[in-house]
Amino acid sequence: KSLSPLKKETQEKFSKHFKDITYSVLVGQIIIGIIQGLIAGIGYWIFGVNNAILLTILTMLVGVIPLIGPWLVWVPVDIYLFASGHSGAGFGFLIYGLLIISWLDTIIRPILVSRRTQMNSAIVIIGMIGGLFVFGILGLIIGPLVLAYVLLVIELYRKKTLKDEENIIFKEIE
């Protein structure tokens, strides 16, 4: 017999929800990296950067890695634009990188994670911000995971407590 106080169906639900949350955060990271790479590629093309396709692929690859991100590629490209005398393109690409490439993560990640986990995107954003303060840059991924797990445990506890109260009420009626 199981030592766990949770019923088998509750354990399975918890396990499934745990997997869904983890999967959505990890897949979200990959999708966001690809989208950021594509958006950066459009910027490379618009501002006349040489080897835009190669840089786009490189930006996608590093965009998937949580601690690194697309800035590792687009910032040096922007520095190159300024250093090579293309100040207008450098300034334009700097604004493009800060306002569009970098903000995509802030906008898209909560949407992707909230859809898969059926969590409100405001909760995901709170998890990201709290995670950032507690865990640093990795907290953008860890924060929503921890918050989702805490909410899941609270939900399971609440359901178990309600069930226990129902049992007590029905015993009193008998």
Protein backbone atom coordinates (compact mmCIF):
# COMPACT_ATOMS: atom_id res chain seq x y z
CA LYS A 1 0.00 0.00 0.00
CA SER A 2 1.17 3.52 -0.79
CA LEU A 3 2.59 5.63 2.03
CA SER A 4 1.37 8.80 0.35
CA PRO A 5 -1.76 10.45 1.80
CA LEU A 6 -2.88 11.37 -1.73
CA LYS A 7 -5.12 9.12 -3.75
CA LYS A 8 -3.74 7.59 -6.93
CA GLU A 9 -5.90 9.82 -9.16
CA THR A 10 -4.71 12.93 -7.28
CA GLN A 11 -1.08 11.81 -7.64
CA GLU A 12 -1.60 11.29 -11.37
CA LYS A 13 -3.23 14.72 -11.75
CA PHE A 14 -0.38 16.33 -9.81
CA SER A 15 2.20 14.50 -11.93
CA LYS A 16 0.46 15.48 -15.19
CA HIS A 17 0.17 19.13 -14.13
CA PHE A 18 3.83 19.12 -13.01
CA LYS A 19 4.89 17.77 -16.43
CA ASP A 20 2.66 20.28 -18.29
CA ILE A 21 4.14 23.22 -16.40
CA THR A 22 7.73 22.09 -16.95
CA TYR A 23 7.09 21.27 -20.60
CA SER A 24 5.40 24.62 -21.29
CA VAL A 25 8.23 26.61 -19.74
CA LEU A 26 10.93 24.68 -21.61
CA VAL A 27 9.10 24.63 -24.96
CA GLY A 28 8.25 28.28 -24.43
CA GLN A 29 11.95 29.04 -24.08
CA ILE A 30 12.70 27.35 -27.40
CA ILE A 31 9.83 29.04 -29.22
CA ILE A 32 10.75 32.45 -27.81
CA GLY A 33 14.39 31.97 -28.86
CA ILE A 34 13.31 31.13 -32.41
CA ILE A 35 10.90 34.07 -32.60
CA GLN A 36 13.49 36.48 -31.20
CA GLY A 37 16.02 35.19 -33.74
CA LEU A 38 13.58 35.73 -36.61
CA ILE A 39 12.67 39.22 -35.41
CA ALA A 40 16.38 40.05 -35.01
CA GLY A 41 16.92 38.71 -38.54
CA ILE A 42 14.33 41.11 -39.89
CA GLY A 43 16.21 43.90 -38.10
CA TYR A 44 19.53 42.77 -39.56
CA TRP A 45 18.00 42.89 -43.03
CA ILE A 46 16.26 46.26 -42.51
CA PHE A 47 19.42 47.93 -41.22
CA GLY A 48 21.65 46.43 -43.92
CA VAL A 49 23.80 44.15 -41.77
CA ASN A 50 26.04 41.80 -43.76
CA ASN A 51 25.48 38.05 -43.29
CA ALA A 52 21.96 38.62 -41.95
CA ILE A 53 20.92 34.98 -42.48
CA LEU A 54 23.92 33.59 -40.59
CA LEU A 55 23.40 36.10 -37.78
CA THR A 56 19.68 35.22 -37.66
CA ILE A 57 20.48 31.53 -37.18
CA LEU A 58 23.10 32.35 -34.56
CA THR A 59 20.62 34.61 -32.74
CA MET A 60 18.03 31.80 -32.72
CA LEU A 61 20.55 29.37 -31.25
CA VAL A 62 21.66 31.64 -28.43
CA GLY A 63 18.10 32.90 -27.91
CA VAL A 64 17.10 29.43 -26.75
CA ILE A 65 19.72 29.45 -23.98
CA PRO A 66 18.20 31.14 -20.90
CA LEU A 67 21.23 32.94 -19.50
CA ILE A 68 22.59 34.11 -22.81
CA GLY A 69 19.72 35.26 -25.01
CA PRO A 70 19.72 37.07 -28.35
CA TRP A 71 21.45 40.16 -26.99
CA LEU A 72 24.73 38.23 -27.20
CA VAL A 73 24.48 38.53 -30.98
CA TRP A 74 22.53 41.72 -31.66
CA VAL A 75 24.50 43.96 -29.26
CA PRO A 76 27.90 43.25 -30.92
CA VAL A 77 26.24 43.70 -34.33
CA ASP A 78 24.99 47.09 -33.17
CA ILE A 79 28.45 48.02 -31.86
CA TYR A 80 29.86 47.02 -35.25
CA LEU A 81 27.36 49.30 -37.00
CA PHE A 82 28.48 52.26 -34.89
CA ALA A 83 32.20 51.38 -35.23
CA SER A 84 31.98 51.06 -39.01
CA GLY A 85 30.53 54.55 -39.37
CA HIS A 86 26.89 53.58 -39.83
CA SER A 87 25.65 55.69 -36.92
CA GLY A 88 22.08 56.04 -38.23
CA ALA A 89 21.71 52.28 -38.71
CA GLY A 90 23.43 51.68 -35.37
CA PHE A 91 21.06 54.00 -33.52
CA GLY A 92 18.02 52.59 -35.33
CA PHE A 93 19.05 49.01 -34.65
CA LEU A 94 19.76 49.83 -31.00
CA ILE A 95 16.20 51.09 -30.55
CA TYR A 96 14.86 48.12 -32.53
CA GLY A 97 16.85 45.68 -30.37
CA LEU A 98 15.82 47.24 -27.07
CA LEU A 99 12.16 47.81 -27.87
CA ILE A 100 11.32 44.86 -30.07
CA ILE A 101 13.82 41.99 -29.79
CA SER A 102 14.31 42.20 -26.03
CA TRP A 103 10.68 42.89 -25.13
CA LEU A 104 9.38 39.88 -27.06
CA ASP A 105 10.45 37.66 -24.19
CA THR A 106 8.49 39.74 -21.72
CA ILE A 107 5.35 39.70 -23.86
CA ILE A 108 5.33 36.22 -25.41
CA ARG A 109 6.60 34.01 -22.54
CA PRO A 110 3.66 34.68 -20.19
CA ILE A 111 1.20 34.02 -23.02
CA LEU A 112 2.84 30.72 -24.00
CA VAL A 113 3.20 29.47 -20.45
CA SER A 114 -0.29 30.52 -19.38
CA ARG A 115 -1.96 28.77 -22.32
CA ARG A 116 -0.34 25.41 -21.71
CA THR A 117 -0.63 25.44 -17.92
CA GLN A 118 -4.04 27.13 -17.86
CA MET A 119 -2.62 29.72 -15.48
CA ASN A 120 -3.51 33.38 -15.70
CA SER A 121 -0.75 35.30 -17.51
CA ALA A 122 -0.64 37.82 -14.65
CA ILE A 123 0.37 34.97 -12.32
CA VAL A 124 3.07 33.92 -14.79
CA ILE A 125 4.40 37.50 -14.92
CA ILE A 126 4.42 37.67 -11.10
CA GLY A 127 6.32 34.37 -11.08
CA MET A 128 8.83 35.72 -13.59
CA ILE A 129 9.41 38.93 -11.61
CA GLY A 130 9.65 37.13 -8.27
CA GLY A 131 11.91 34.51 -9.81
CA LEU A 132 14.15 37.21 -11.25
CA PHE A 133 14.61 38.77 -7.79
CA VAL A 134 15.16 35.45 -6.01
CA PHE A 135 17.10 33.40 -8.58
CA GLY A 136 18.54 36.05 -10.90
CA ILE A 137 18.15 35.71 -14.66
CA LEU A 138 17.34 31.98 -14.38
CA GLY A 139 14.38 33.03 -12.25
CA LEU A 140 12.54 34.04 -15.41
CA ILE A 141 12.15 30.31 -16.00
CA ILE A 142 12.25 28.99 -12.43
CA GLY A 143 9.86 31.60 -10.98
CA PRO A 144 6.74 30.59 -12.91
CA LEU A 145 7.55 26.92 -12.26
CA VAL A 146 7.81 27.43 -8.50
CA LEU A 147 4.68 29.58 -8.38
CA ALA A 148 2.69 27.07 -10.43
CA TYR A 149 3.81 24.20 -8.19
CA VAL A 150 2.88 26.16 -5.05
CA LEU A 151 -0.56 26.95 -6.47
CA LEU A 152 -1.02 23.29 -7.40
CA VAL A 153 -0.14 22.14 -3.88
CA ILE A 154 -2.53 24.72 -2.39
CA GLU A 155 -5.29 23.51 -4.72
CA LEU A 156 -4.69 19.88 -3.74
CA TYR A 157 -4.62 20.78 -0.05
CA ARG A 158 -7.82 22.80 -0.38
CA LYS A 159 -9.58 19.93 -2.16
CA LYS A 160 -8.40 17.44 0.46
CA THR A 161 -9.56 19.76 3.26
CA LEU A 162 -12.96 20.22 1.61
CA LYS A 163 -13.29 16.45 1.17
CA ASP A 164 -12.37 15.91 4.84
CA GLU A 165 -14.99 18.49 5.89
CA GLU A 166 -17.61 16.77 3.73
CA ASN A 167 -16.80 13.44 5.39
CA ILE A 168 -17.16 15.00 8.85
CA ILE A 169 -20.48 16.63 7.91
CA PHE A 170 -21.88 13.40 6.47
CA LYS A 171 -20.79 11.44 9.56
CA GLU A 172 -22.57 13.97 11.80
CA ILE A 173 -25.76 13.65 9.71
CA GLU A 174 -25.74 9.86 10.05
